Amino acid sequence: MGLLVESEPLGERRFRDVFLDHGHRVELEAEVVRYEPPNHLEVRLVADAFRARSTHLVGETDGGSRLTTTVETEYTKRLARIAGPLVARRAQAQLEADHRALKELLEAGEPAPGTAK
């Protein structure tokens, strides 16, 4: 999560996260609603202008693994709905960059950020 600048635990499976994107600060509450290591993670996200559900699945492929991420977003403010297509394109580009960075770390034998070696 390349844009994450703060993360604070709020209790079991709940966090307050802050992202900084092109000078714009987005604060949200994240709740892990399903966690089945090592293959499934589902997180509910709530911010001032949107609600979202992010699902991450790891599956086996020939000679490796594939990470698939799906994000379903509902914009709760009019301006956010108008800006939604632009926000979605930028979020998609950031997600792809994050996936590439994670792939490079794993292929180099490095642990993912936040995990032990």
Protein backbone atom coordinates (compact mmCIF):
# COMPACT_ATOMS: atom_id res chain seq x y z
CA MET A 1 0.00 0.00 0.00
CA GLY A 2 2.36 2.61 -1.33
CA LEU A 3 0.19 5.59 -0.36
CA LEU A 4 -0.34 4.53 3.27
CA VAL A 5 1.24 7.04 5.66
CA GLU A 6 -0.38 6.05 8.99
CA SER A 7 -2.09 3.00 10.45
CA GLU A 8 -3.40 2.81 13.99
CA PRO A 9 -5.07 -0.24 15.57
CA LEU A 10 -8.55 0.51 16.95
CA GLY A 11 -9.27 -2.91 18.39
CA GLU A 12 -9.44 -6.46 17.20
CA ARG A 13 -9.34 -6.48 13.38
CA ARG A 14 -10.01 -2.71 13.13
CA PHE A 15 -7.63 0.06 12.04
CA ARG A 16 -7.60 3.76 11.27
CA ASP A 17 -5.57 4.24 8.09
CA VAL A 18 -4.41 7.44 6.44
CA PHE A 19 -3.41 7.61 2.78
CA LEU A 20 -1.77 10.54 1.00
CA ASP A 21 -2.45 10.78 -2.75
CA HIS A 22 -1.21 13.79 -4.74
CA GLY A 23 -1.40 15.96 -1.61
CA HIS A 24 -4.91 14.78 -0.75
CA ARG A 25 -5.27 13.09 2.66
CA VAL A 26 -7.81 10.26 2.93
CA GLU A 27 -8.60 8.88 6.37
CA LEU A 28 -10.63 5.71 6.70
CA GLU A 29 -11.56 2.95 9.07
CA ALA A 30 -10.66 -0.57 7.96
CA GLU A 31 -12.12 -3.74 9.43
CA VAL A 32 -10.90 -7.22 8.57
CA VAL A 33 -14.12 -9.18 8.03
CA ARG A 34 -12.60 -12.41 6.71
CA TYR A 35 -9.06 -13.71 7.14
CA GLU A 36 -8.14 -17.23 6.08
CA PRO A 37 -4.34 -17.40 5.72
CA PRO A 38 -2.70 -17.79 3.36
CA ASN A 39 -5.36 -17.50 0.66
CA HIS A 40 -8.13 -15.06 1.60
CA LEU A 41 -8.37 -11.57 3.07
CA GLU A 42 -11.48 -9.38 2.99
CA VAL A 43 -11.55 -5.86 4.42
CA ARG A 44 -14.41 -3.38 4.81
CA LEU A 45 -13.37 0.26 4.36
CA VAL A 46 -15.38 3.29 5.50
CA ALA A 47 -14.43 6.90 4.81
CA ASP A 48 -16.28 10.19 4.71
CA ALA A 49 -17.06 9.97 0.97
CA PHE A 50 -17.21 6.21 0.32
CA ARG A 51 -17.65 2.67 1.58
CA ALA A 52 -15.76 -0.22 0.02
CA ARG A 53 -15.01 -3.91 0.32
CA SER A 54 -11.57 -5.13 -0.69
CA THR A 55 -11.04 -8.85 -1.32
CA HIS A 56 -7.60 -10.42 -1.85
CA LEU A 57 -7.29 -14.02 -3.02
CA VAL A 58 -4.12 -16.04 -3.58
CA GLY A 59 -4.37 -19.02 -5.90
CA GLU A 60 -1.92 -21.52 -7.33
CA THR A 61 -0.79 -21.24 -10.95
CA ASP A 62 1.73 -23.21 -13.00
CA GLY A 63 4.99 -22.66 -11.15
CA GLY A 64 3.76 -19.96 -8.79
CA SER A 65 0.91 -18.05 -7.27
CA ARG A 66 -1.52 -15.39 -8.44
CA LEU A 67 -2.85 -12.56 -6.26
CA THR A 68 -6.25 -11.24 -7.31
CA THR A 69 -7.65 -8.12 -5.69
CA THR A 70 -11.22 -6.90 -6.12
CA VAL A 71 -12.47 -3.61 -4.71
CA GLU A 72 -16.18 -2.78 -4.71
CA THR A 73 -16.87 0.87 -3.89
CA GLU A 74 -20.02 2.83 -3.09
CA TYR A 75 -19.59 6.61 -3.13
CA THR A 76 -21.69 8.29 -0.45
CA LYS A 77 -21.21 11.94 -1.44
CA ARG A 78 -22.26 13.59 -4.71
CA LEU A 79 -18.82 15.01 -5.50
CA ALA A 80 -17.23 11.60 -4.87
CA ARG A 81 -19.71 10.00 -7.31
CA ILE A 82 -18.77 12.59 -9.95
CA ALA A 83 -15.04 12.05 -9.39
CA GLY A 84 -15.48 8.28 -9.09
CA PRO A 85 -14.18 7.29 -12.55
CA LEU A 86 -10.99 9.35 -12.09
CA VAL A 87 -10.46 8.04 -8.57
CA ALA A 88 -11.00 4.47 -9.75
CA ARG A 89 -8.38 4.82 -12.52
CA ARG A 90 -5.82 6.24 -10.08
CA ALA A 91 -6.61 3.56 -7.51
CA GLN A 92 -6.23 0.85 -10.16
CA ALA A 93 -2.84 2.23 -11.21
CA GLN A 94 -1.67 2.35 -7.57
CA LEU A 95 -2.93 -1.19 -6.91
CA GLU A 96 -1.03 -2.48 -9.95
CA ALA A 97 2.14 -0.68 -8.78
CA ASP A 98 1.73 -2.18 -5.29
CA HIS A 99 1.29 -5.68 -6.78
CA ARG A 100 4.44 -5.24 -8.91
CA ALA A 101 6.44 -4.08 -5.87
CA LEU A 102 5.23 -7.05 -3.81
CA LYS A 103 6.09 -9.45 -6.66
CA GLU A 104 9.63 -8.01 -6.89
CA LEU A 105 10.14 -8.37 -3.12
CA LEU A 106 8.91 -11.96 -3.11
CA GLU A 107 10.97 -12.96 -6.15
CA ALA A 108 14.06 -11.43 -4.51
CA GLY A 109 13.42 -13.55 -1.41
CA GLU A 110 12.57 -10.52 0.71
CA PRO A 111 9.71 -10.64 3.20
CA ALA A 112 6.65 -8.56 2.42
CA PRO A 113 6.52 -5.31 4.42
CA GLY A 114 5.12 -5.95 7.89
CA THR A 115 6.08 -9.64 7.95
CA ALA A 116 9.01 -11.50 9.47
CA LYS A 117 11.68 -13.25 7.41
